[in-house]
Amino acid sequence: MNRRDFIQQSALATGLLLPSVEGFSQTSNTAKRRVAMVGTGSRGTGMWGRSVAKRYAEQVEFVGLCDINPGRVETVKKYMEVSCPTFTDFEKMMRETKPETLIVTTVDATHHEFIIKGMEMGANIITEKPMTTDERKCQAILEAERRTGKKVTVTFNYRYSPHRQKLYELLRQGVIGDLVSVDFHWYLDIHHGADYFRRWHAYKEKSGTLFVHKATHHFDLLNWWLESEPEEVFAYGALEHYGKNGAFRGKNCRTCPHQKECKFYYDISKNREYMGLYVANEQHDGYLRDGCVFREDINIYDKMAASIRYANGVTVSYSLTTYSPYEGYRIAFNGKKGRLEAWIQESSPEPMPDHDELVLTENFGKITRFKISNTEGGHGGGDDRLKDKIFKDPTMPDPFRQSAGVRDGAMSILVGIAARNSVEQQRPIKIADLTELKPMAKRP
C-alpha cells in the first residue's frame, strides 16, 4: 500500500494528529487538559479524535464535541469512546464545558468564527489548516488573539517529517551557499486530487480554493525552510479538467447513471467510516460526501501556478496540479554554491521506495545523496513526533522551530489569498496590503 492510500484509508483508524504545543495552557504537570472540538467530520475524528483520547488518556480529557449535524456528532462520540456531552450549539458547549483548549476542524471558511469566539470565551485554540480563507478574516483573528491574550496554533504536520527536517538542517548549514531561488511543483493524483472536487472544498466560498486549502501546507514549508516571509505574489489559475469540463455528470456517485463509463466513479459504500459519518447522517444537513467531480457549479481551480518574491530576495516558482498519474512533489533550492533537490513520491503506479532521497550537487561536481527512511508511520514518523511533543512533553526543545503560531498560520494563507486575488485581479499582489503584518526578511 502506498503512503497516500495508507494515510487516506487509515486516518480514522489511527487518529492522525496535527497540533502544536502553543495551543495548550499548562496548568500543571499532572492535570488533564480539558479539550473540546468543533467540527466532527473525518478530519476532526481522524486527526484529533479517537487516537488522542486513547493514546493520551492520562494527559487529555475531552469535555465536549460540537457539530451542526446532530447525527454525526453522536456517531463520533461512540467512535471515540468518550463520555463527554455533544452539542449543536457552539456557545452552549463553551459555556457549559469551559475547555482550556478548543480544536477547530470545521469547514475552512468558518474557522475564524470559532477561533475568535473560542478565545473570547476563554480557550486557547488549535485550528486545522488553513487558519482561515481571506485577508479580512485573518486580520480579525490577529486582533482577537491580541485582545484576548489567548493563543492560536495552526497545525503544520509537514514540518515534522524527517526528510523535510533534513532539508531545513542542510539549508541552515549553508551547503549551497546563499539561496537565490526555489523550484517547487506539487502533484495530486487522480484519486486524492479528484477527492477535493467531490467535497465542499470544490467551492471557493468554503475552501478559499486549493491555493488556500491545500497549498497552505506548501507555502508554510517554504516560509519555514527559507526563514523569511513572502512579499509579493503573481499567479495564474484555471478550471480545465473537473467541473463543467466533464462530458457527463450526476448529482453524486451513488445515484449517477454514468457509473460504468466514468473513470472517476467513487464507491463510498466500500469505506465503512464514511458510510457511518456521512451517508448515515445525510438527512440532517444534506451533505453528499461522494459528490460528482463534474458538477457545473464547481468554482475552484484545478491547475495553479505562482511566482513568489520573498523579503530576503529569494524567488519561488510554484505549481499545483490536481490530476496527475502519481502524487508527490519536486523541489530544488538553488544557491550560489550548488543545488539541493528532492523528488518525493507519495503514490505511484510502480512500487514505492522505502526511503526519500535528497541530492546535494555542489558547483564544480561533487554530489552527495541522503537517504531517509519513510516507513516510520504517518508522514514518515512526523505525526508521532508532533503528538508526543504536544501531549507528553510540551516543554521539549524545538531546535528546528517546527511549532507554528498565529503568524506562521497567517503568512501561509496570505500567499494563497494573494495568489487567488492575483488570478482574479490579473495583477501582482503585495502581502503587506492584505493585513497589518509586514513581511520580515529574516524571521527571528
Protein backbone atom coordinates (compact mmCIF):
# COMPACT_ATOMS: atom_id res chain seq x y z
CA MET A 1 0.00 0.00 0.00
CA ASN A 2 1.46 3.40 -0.94
CA ARG A 3 1.65 6.26 1.54
CA ARG A 4 -1.27 8.20 0.13
CA ASP A 5 -3.60 5.19 0.33
CA PHE A 6 -2.34 4.40 3.82
CA ILE A 7 -3.00 7.93 5.02
CA GLN A 8 -6.46 8.07 3.45
CA GLN A 9 -7.65 4.62 4.46
CA SER A 10 -6.27 4.60 7.98
CA ALA A 11 -6.89 8.20 9.07
CA LEU A 12 -9.88 7.33 11.20
CA ALA A 13 -8.34 4.14 12.50
CA THR A 14 -5.05 5.73 13.51
CA GLY A 15 -6.22 9.18 14.56
CA LEU A 16 -3.52 11.21 12.77
CA LEU A 17 -2.90 14.41 14.71
CA LEU A 18 -1.59 17.78 13.65
CA PRO A 19 -1.32 20.15 16.60
CA SER A 20 1.28 22.44 18.16
CA VAL A 21 2.26 22.94 21.76
CA GLU A 22 1.23 26.60 21.92
CA GLY A 23 -2.43 25.64 21.82
CA PHE A 24 -2.45 24.13 25.30
CA SER A 25 -2.44 26.05 28.57
CA GLN A 26 -0.13 24.42 31.06
CA THR A 27 -1.76 24.38 34.49
CA SER A 28 0.39 21.63 35.99
CA ASN A 29 2.34 18.54 35.02
CA THR A 30 -0.40 16.22 36.22
CA ALA A 31 -3.70 17.97 35.47
CA LYS A 32 -5.55 16.73 32.41
CA ARG A 33 -6.14 19.29 29.71
CA ARG A 34 -9.80 19.99 29.15
CA VAL A 35 -10.30 19.80 25.39
CA ALA A 36 -13.37 20.45 23.24
CA MET A 37 -13.70 20.02 19.49
CA VAL A 38 -15.94 21.76 16.97
CA GLY A 39 -16.33 20.01 13.61
CA THR A 40 -16.59 16.22 13.67
CA GLY A 41 -16.05 15.21 10.07
CA SER A 42 -13.31 12.79 9.04
CA ARG A 43 -10.57 15.36 9.63
CA GLY A 44 -11.63 16.08 13.18
CA THR A 45 -12.39 12.48 14.03
CA GLY A 46 -9.28 11.07 12.39
CA MET A 47 -6.71 13.72 13.14
CA TRP A 48 -7.90 14.70 16.59
CA GLY A 49 -10.32 12.11 17.89
CA ARG A 50 -10.01 8.51 18.94
CA SER A 51 -6.22 8.28 18.84
CA VAL A 52 -5.78 11.26 21.14
CA ALA A 53 -8.49 10.10 23.51
CA LYS A 54 -6.85 6.67 23.75
CA ARG A 55 -3.13 7.29 23.50
CA TYR A 56 -3.05 10.37 25.70
CA ALA A 57 -5.77 9.44 28.16
CA GLU A 58 -3.56 10.47 31.09
CA GLN A 59 -2.96 13.93 29.65
CA VAL A 60 -6.18 14.85 27.81
CA GLU A 61 -9.88 14.83 28.69
CA PHE A 62 -12.47 15.54 26.00
CA VAL A 63 -15.19 17.62 27.64
CA GLY A 64 -17.34 18.44 24.60
CA LEU A 65 -17.95 17.71 20.91
CA CYS A 66 -19.88 20.07 18.62
CA ASP A 67 -21.15 19.82 15.05
CA ILE A 68 -24.05 21.27 13.06
CA ASN A 69 -25.02 17.67 12.21
CA PRO A 70 -26.56 16.06 15.32
CA GLY A 71 -26.31 12.55 13.91
CA ARG A 72 -22.65 12.82 13.02
CA VAL A 73 -21.56 14.24 16.37
CA GLU A 74 -23.26 11.33 18.15
CA THR A 75 -21.62 8.86 15.77
CA VAL A 76 -18.23 10.38 16.52
CA LYS A 77 -18.78 10.26 20.27
CA LYS A 78 -19.37 6.50 20.05
CA TYR A 79 -16.38 6.01 17.75
CA MET A 80 -14.06 7.94 20.07
CA GLU A 81 -15.44 6.04 23.08
CA VAL A 82 -15.68 9.19 25.19
CA SER A 83 -18.37 10.14 27.67
CA CYS A 84 -18.47 13.90 27.11
CA PRO A 85 -21.69 15.68 26.10
CA THR A 86 -22.39 16.59 22.47
CA PHE A 87 -23.75 19.88 21.13
CA THR A 88 -25.06 21.56 18.01
CA ASP A 89 -24.89 24.97 19.74
CA PHE A 90 -21.24 26.06 19.94
CA GLU A 91 -21.59 28.79 22.54
CA LYS A 92 -23.62 26.50 24.77
CA MET A 93 -20.79 23.95 24.63
CA MET A 94 -18.22 26.57 25.55
CA ARG A 95 -20.31 27.92 28.46
CA GLU A 96 -21.14 24.53 29.92
CA THR A 97 -17.84 22.68 29.44
CA LYS A 98 -15.31 25.54 29.84
CA PRO A 99 -12.47 23.92 27.87
CA GLU A 100 -8.89 25.10 28.21
CA THR A 101 -8.28 24.19 24.58
CA LEU A 102 -10.62 24.27 21.58
CA ILE A 103 -9.82 22.24 18.46
CA VAL A 104 -11.34 23.77 15.32
CA THR A 105 -11.91 21.38 12.39
CA THR A 106 -14.95 22.86 10.66
CA VAL A 107 -15.31 24.00 7.04
CA ASP A 108 -12.39 26.33 6.31
CA ALA A 109 -14.47 29.45 5.74
CA THR A 110 -15.95 29.19 9.25
CA HIS A 111 -12.67 28.69 11.13
CA HIS A 112 -12.44 32.36 12.08
CA GLU A 113 -15.85 32.33 13.76
CA PHE A 114 -14.91 29.55 16.17
CA ILE A 115 -11.31 30.68 16.65
CA ILE A 116 -12.40 34.18 17.67
CA LYS A 117 -15.41 33.18 19.75
CA GLY A 118 -13.39 30.37 21.35
CA MET A 119 -10.70 32.80 22.50
CA GLU A 120 -13.30 35.28 23.71
CA MET A 121 -14.83 32.50 25.79
CA GLY A 122 -11.52 31.61 27.42
CA ALA A 123 -9.85 28.90 25.36
CA ASN A 124 -6.55 28.58 23.56
CA ILE A 125 -7.03 27.37 20.00
CA ILE A 126 -5.69 24.57 17.86
CA THR A 127 -7.02 25.02 14.34
CA GLU A 128 -6.71 22.88 11.28
CA LYS A 129 -5.00 24.43 8.32
CA PRO A 130 -5.80 26.77 6.67
CA MET A 131 -6.30 29.18 9.57
CA THR A 132 -8.97 30.94 7.51
CA THR A 133 -9.76 31.81 3.89
CA ASP A 134 -9.44 35.56 3.28
CA GLU A 135 -7.50 38.58 4.48
CA ARG A 136 -10.40 40.16 6.39
CA LYS A 137 -10.94 37.05 8.49
CA CYS A 138 -7.19 36.71 9.02
CA GLN A 139 -6.97 40.27 10.35
CA ALA A 140 -9.88 39.60 12.72
CA ILE A 141 -8.06 36.57 14.16
CA LEU A 142 -4.87 38.57 14.69
CA GLU A 143 -6.80 41.25 16.54
CA ALA A 144 -8.69 38.72 18.65
CA GLU A 145 -5.53 36.93 19.77
CA ARG A 146 -4.00 40.24 20.83
CA ARG A 147 -7.20 41.38 22.55
CA THR A 148 -7.88 38.18 24.49
CA GLY A 149 -4.34 37.14 25.37
CA LYS A 150 -5.09 33.60 24.18
CA LYS A 151 -3.02 31.66 21.66
CA VAL A 152 -3.78 30.25 18.23
CA THR A 153 -1.81 27.28 16.90
CA VAL A 154 -2.12 26.22 13.28
CA THR A 155 -1.37 22.57 12.60
CA PHE A 156 1.52 22.05 10.19
CA ASN A 157 2.49 18.39 10.43
CA TYR A 158 4.61 18.56 7.28
CA ARG A 159 7.32 20.40 9.22
CA TYR A 160 7.88 17.32 11.37
CA SER A 161 8.53 14.69 8.70
CA PRO A 162 12.18 13.59 8.74
CA HIS A 163 13.15 14.42 5.17
CA ARG A 164 11.71 17.94 5.43
CA GLN A 165 13.55 18.46 8.69
CA LYS A 166 16.75 17.32 6.96
CA LEU A 167 16.21 19.90 4.21
CA TYR A 168 15.83 22.55 6.92
CA GLU A 169 19.06 21.42 8.58
CA LEU A 170 21.06 21.40 5.35
CA LEU A 171 19.85 24.85 4.37
CA ARG A 172 20.80 26.19 7.80
CA GLN A 173 24.26 24.69 7.35
CA GLY A 174 24.73 26.73 4.18
CA VAL A 175 25.59 23.73 1.99
CA ILE A 176 24.58 25.56 -1.21
CA GLY A 177 25.71 29.00 -0.13
CA ASP A 178 23.41 31.99 -0.39
CA LEU A 179 19.96 30.83 -1.52
CA VAL A 180 18.66 32.63 -4.60
CA SER A 181 15.61 30.72 -5.88
CA VAL A 182 13.35 27.68 -5.39
CA ASP A 183 11.53 25.44 -7.88
CA PHE A 184 8.54 23.80 -6.15
CA HIS A 185 5.98 21.70 -8.01
CA TRP A 186 3.28 19.64 -6.28
CA TYR A 187 1.25 16.86 -7.94
CA LEU A 188 -2.06 15.49 -6.66
CA ASP A 189 -3.03 12.21 -8.26
CA ILE A 190 -6.31 11.28 -9.93
CA HIS A 191 -7.57 9.74 -6.68
CA HIS A 192 -6.61 12.23 -3.99
CA GLY A 193 -6.77 15.24 -6.29
CA ALA A 194 -10.22 14.32 -7.53
CA ASP A 195 -11.48 13.93 -3.98
CA TYR A 196 -11.24 17.68 -3.38
CA PHE A 197 -13.76 18.14 -6.19
CA ARG A 198 -16.23 15.67 -4.66
CA ARG A 199 -16.43 17.56 -1.37
CA TRP A 200 -17.23 21.03 -0.07
CA HIS A 201 -13.66 22.02 -0.96
CA ALA A 202 -14.85 22.42 -4.56
CA TYR A 203 -16.44 25.77 -3.70
CA LYS A 204 -14.32 28.89 -3.32
CA GLU A 205 -16.65 30.35 -0.73
CA LYS A 206 -15.96 27.35 1.55
CA SER A 207 -12.32 26.44 0.94
CA GLY A 208 -10.82 29.62 -0.48
CA THR A 209 -9.67 27.46 -3.46
CA LEU A 210 -6.82 24.96 -3.28
CA PHE A 211 -4.41 27.90 -3.34
CA VAL A 212 -5.56 28.31 0.27
CA HIS A 213 -6.87 24.94 1.46
CA LYS A 214 -4.14 22.65 0.07
CA ALA A 215 -1.26 24.95 -0.78
CA THR A 216 -1.18 26.48 2.71
CA HIS A 217 0.87 23.36 3.63
CA HIS A 218 3.31 24.08 0.81
CA PHE A 219 3.61 27.79 1.46
CA ASP A 220 4.23 27.18 5.14
CA LEU A 221 7.06 24.81 4.24
CA LEU A 222 8.59 27.49 2.03
CA ASN A 223 8.31 30.13 4.76
CA TRP A 224 9.84 27.72 7.27
CA TRP A 225 12.65 26.47 5.03
CA LEU A 226 13.59 29.99 3.91
CA GLU A 227 13.19 31.58 7.37
CA SER A 228 11.78 34.58 5.58
CA GLU A 229 8.33 35.87 4.67
CA PRO A 230 6.61 36.41 1.30
CA GLU A 231 6.49 39.91 -0.08
CA GLU A 232 4.69 39.77 -3.44
CA VAL A 233 2.75 37.15 -5.45
CA PHE A 234 1.66 36.89 -9.07
CA ALA A 235 -0.40 33.87 -10.09
CA TYR A 236 -2.44 32.06 -12.71
CA GLY A 237 -5.28 29.63 -12.10
CA ALA A 238 -7.89 27.84 -14.20
CA LEU A 239 -10.55 25.12 -14.08
CA GLU A 240 -9.87 22.99 -17.15
CA HIS A 241 -10.42 19.37 -16.15
CA TYR A 242 -13.11 18.96 -13.48
CA GLY A 243 -16.44 20.77 -13.08
CA LYS A 244 -18.18 21.87 -16.22
CA ASN A 245 -15.42 20.32 -18.35
CA GLY A 246 -16.77 16.77 -17.91
CA ALA A 247 -18.58 15.06 -20.78
CA PHE A 248 -21.34 13.91 -18.39
CA ARG A 249 -22.33 14.36 -14.78
CA GLY A 250 -24.68 13.41 -12.00
CA LYS A 251 -25.60 14.65 -8.54
CA ASN A 252 -23.39 12.14 -6.74
CA CYS A 253 -21.75 8.80 -7.49
CA ARG A 254 -24.31 6.58 -5.76
CA THR A 255 -27.17 7.87 -7.91
CA CYS A 256 -25.25 8.56 -11.13
CA PRO A 257 -26.37 6.79 -14.35
CA HIS A 258 -22.78 7.01 -15.70
CA GLN A 259 -21.11 4.80 -13.10
CA LYS A 260 -19.77 2.26 -15.59
CA GLU A 261 -18.30 4.78 -18.02
CA CYS A 262 -16.91 7.34 -15.55
CA LYS A 263 -13.29 6.74 -14.54
CA PHE A 264 -13.84 8.96 -11.51
CA TYR A 265 -16.69 6.87 -10.11
CA TYR A 266 -16.22 6.54 -6.36
CA ASP A 267 -17.96 3.75 -4.43
CA ILE A 268 -18.32 5.22 -0.95
CA SER A 269 -20.01 2.04 0.28
CA LYS A 270 -16.55 0.44 0.44
CA ASN A 271 -15.50 2.93 3.13
CA ARG A 272 -17.12 1.86 6.40
CA GLU A 273 -16.10 5.03 8.26
CA TYR A 274 -17.52 7.37 5.62
CA MET A 275 -20.73 5.40 5.47
CA GLY A 276 -21.13 5.91 9.22
CA LEU A 277 -20.01 9.52 9.34
CA TYR A 278 -21.65 10.88 6.22
CA VAL A 279 -24.12 8.64 4.43
CA ALA A 280 -25.93 7.63 7.62
CA ASN A 281 -26.36 11.30 8.54
CA GLU A 282 -27.19 12.92 5.20
CA GLN A 283 -30.76 13.56 6.27
CA HIS A 284 -29.60 16.11 8.84
CA ASP A 285 -27.69 18.50 6.58
CA GLY A 286 -27.91 17.19 3.00
CA TYR A 287 -24.14 16.92 2.59
CA LEU A 288 -23.10 14.32 -0.02
CA ARG A 289 -19.56 13.04 0.54
CA ASP A 290 -19.50 11.35 -2.89
CA GLY A 291 -20.42 14.38 -4.99
CA CYS A 292 -19.80 14.35 -8.74
CA VAL A 293 -16.43 15.82 -9.73
CA PHE A 294 -18.09 17.28 -12.83
CA ARG A 295 -20.75 19.35 -11.09
CA GLU A 296 -21.26 22.52 -13.09
CA ASP A 297 -21.20 24.80 -10.03
CA ILE A 298 -17.63 23.85 -9.03
CA ASN A 299 -15.67 27.11 -8.97
CA ILE A 300 -12.13 26.38 -7.72
CA TYR A 301 -9.05 25.98 -9.92
CA ASP A 302 -7.64 22.60 -10.87
CA LYS A 303 -4.33 23.95 -12.16
CA MET A 304 -2.39 26.68 -10.43
CA ALA A 305 0.95 28.44 -10.76
CA ALA A 306 2.51 31.30 -8.83
CA SER A 307 5.66 33.39 -8.69
CA ILE A 308 6.53 34.45 -5.16
CA ARG A 309 9.14 37.02 -4.12
CA TYR A 310 10.37 36.84 -0.54
CA ALA A 311 11.51 39.75 1.59
CA ASN A 312 15.05 38.31 1.63
CA GLY A 313 15.22 38.41 -2.17
CA VAL A 314 14.61 34.70 -2.85
CA THR A 315 12.18 33.98 -5.69
CA VAL A 316 9.97 30.88 -5.93
CA SER A 317 8.31 29.20 -8.91
CA TYR A 318 5.36 27.15 -7.62
CA SER A 319 2.72 24.99 -9.28
CA LEU A 320 -0.07 22.65 -8.18
CA THR A 321 -1.69 20.09 -10.49
CA THR A 322 -4.74 18.08 -9.37
CA TYR A 323 -4.98 15.23 -11.92
CA SER A 324 -1.54 13.62 -12.14
CA PRO A 325 -0.93 9.85 -12.51
CA TYR A 326 1.18 9.91 -9.33
CA GLU A 327 1.35 12.01 -6.18
CA GLY A 328 4.22 13.88 -4.59
CA TYR A 329 6.44 16.84 -5.27
CA ARG A 330 9.68 18.01 -6.78
CA ILE A 331 11.66 20.72 -5.10
CA ALA A 332 15.02 22.32 -5.77
CA PHE A 333 16.82 25.01 -3.79
CA ASN A 334 19.27 26.94 -5.97
CA GLY A 335 22.22 28.60 -4.24
CA LYS A 336 25.40 30.35 -5.26
CA LYS A 337 27.44 27.26 -4.38
CA GLY A 338 25.14 24.48 -5.53
CA ARG A 339 21.69 22.92 -5.65
CA LEU A 340 19.71 20.86 -3.11
CA GLU A 341 16.80 18.90 -4.54
CA ALA A 342 14.33 16.10 -3.92
CA TRP A 343 11.65 14.11 -5.76
CA ILE A 344 9.28 12.90 -3.06
CA GLN A 345 6.67 10.32 -4.10
CA GLU A 346 3.52 9.68 -2.08
CA SER A 347 1.80 7.42 -4.62
CA SER A 348 2.91 5.81 -7.85
CA PRO A 349 1.77 3.18 -10.38
CA GLU A 350 5.11 1.48 -9.60
CA PRO A 351 6.32 0.04 -6.25
CA MET A 352 7.13 2.76 -3.75
CA PRO A 353 10.65 3.14 -2.33
CA ASP A 354 11.18 2.71 1.41
CA HIS A 355 13.15 5.92 1.67
CA ASP A 356 13.17 9.54 0.50
CA GLU A 357 16.30 10.78 -1.25
CA LEU A 358 17.78 14.26 -1.14
CA VAL A 359 20.51 15.19 -3.61
CA LEU A 360 23.12 17.86 -2.94
CA THR A 361 25.08 18.91 -6.02
CA GLU A 362 27.90 21.34 -5.34
CA ASN A 363 29.26 23.60 -8.03
CA PHE A 364 32.18 22.00 -9.89
CA GLY A 365 30.95 18.47 -9.46
CA LYS A 366 30.62 16.89 -6.01
CA ILE A 367 27.31 15.04 -5.48
CA THR A 368 26.05 13.81 -2.07
CA ARG A 369 22.91 11.71 -1.63
CA PHE A 370 20.94 11.47 1.60
CA LYS A 371 18.57 8.52 2.04
CA ILE A 372 15.94 8.94 4.76
CA SER A 373 13.51 6.21 5.78
CA ASN A 374 9.84 6.90 5.16
CA THR A 375 8.49 3.78 6.88
CA GLU A 376 8.19 5.10 10.44
CA GLY A 377 4.44 5.73 10.37
CA GLY A 378 2.17 8.63 9.47
CA HIS A 379 4.05 11.13 7.30
CA GLY A 380 7.28 9.20 7.82
CA GLY A 381 7.07 9.45 11.59
CA GLY A 382 6.33 13.17 11.74
CA ASP A 383 2.86 12.69 13.26
CA ASP A 384 4.12 10.70 16.22
CA ARG A 385 6.91 13.18 16.92
CA LEU A 386 4.46 16.03 16.92
CA LYS A 387 1.87 14.30 19.11
CA ASP A 388 4.40 13.29 21.71
CA LYS A 389 5.78 16.80 21.93
CA ILE A 390 2.35 18.23 22.49
CA PHE A 391 0.84 15.73 24.86
CA LYS A 392 3.77 14.05 26.57
CA ASP A 393 6.38 16.79 26.83
CA PRO A 394 5.22 20.26 25.76
CA THR A 395 8.47 21.78 27.10
CA MET A 396 10.59 19.67 24.75
CA PRO A 397 13.22 21.79 22.95
CA ASP A 398 12.27 22.94 19.45
CA PRO A 399 15.64 23.44 17.70
CA PHE A 400 14.11 23.34 14.21
CA ARG A 401 11.29 25.78 15.02
CA GLN A 402 8.64 23.27 13.99
CA SER A 403 5.91 24.55 16.33
CA ALA A 404 3.73 27.02 14.46
CA GLY A 405 1.84 30.01 15.85
CA VAL A 406 -0.61 32.55 14.51
CA ARG A 407 1.94 34.45 12.43
CA ASP A 408 3.01 31.23 10.71
CA GLY A 409 -0.62 30.42 10.03
CA ALA A 410 -1.27 33.90 8.68
CA MET A 411 1.76 34.04 6.41
CA SER A 412 0.98 30.65 4.87
CA ILE A 413 -2.59 31.57 3.94
CA LEU A 414 -1.67 35.08 2.83
CA VAL A 415 0.41 33.60 0.00
CA GLY A 416 -2.61 31.62 -1.18
CA ILE A 417 -5.00 34.53 -0.69
CA ALA A 418 -2.65 36.80 -2.64
CA ALA A 419 -2.41 34.18 -5.39
CA ARG A 420 -6.20 33.90 -5.63
CA ASN A 421 -6.57 37.69 -5.66
CA SER A 422 -3.90 37.91 -8.33
CA VAL A 423 -5.77 35.47 -10.59
CA GLU A 424 -8.99 37.40 -10.14
CA GLN A 425 -7.46 40.87 -10.50
CA GLN A 426 -4.75 39.94 -13.04
CA ARG A 427 -2.00 41.80 -11.23
CA PRO A 428 0.73 41.23 -8.63
CA ILE A 429 -0.45 41.39 -5.00
CA LYS A 430 1.67 42.71 -2.14
CA ILE A 431 1.37 40.80 1.13
CA ALA A 432 1.71 43.99 3.18
CA ASP A 433 -1.51 45.32 1.63
CA LEU A 434 -3.62 42.43 2.97
CA THR A 435 -3.34 42.67 6.78
CA GLU A 436 -1.40 44.51 9.48
CA LEU A 437 1.51 42.06 9.10
CA LYS A 438 4.58 43.41 7.30
CA PRO A 439 6.87 40.75 5.80
CA MET A 440 10.17 40.13 7.58
CA ALA A 441 13.30 39.44 5.56
CA LYS A 442 14.55 37.22 8.38
CA ARG A 443 12.29 35.51 10.92
CA PRO A 444 13.70 35.81 14.45
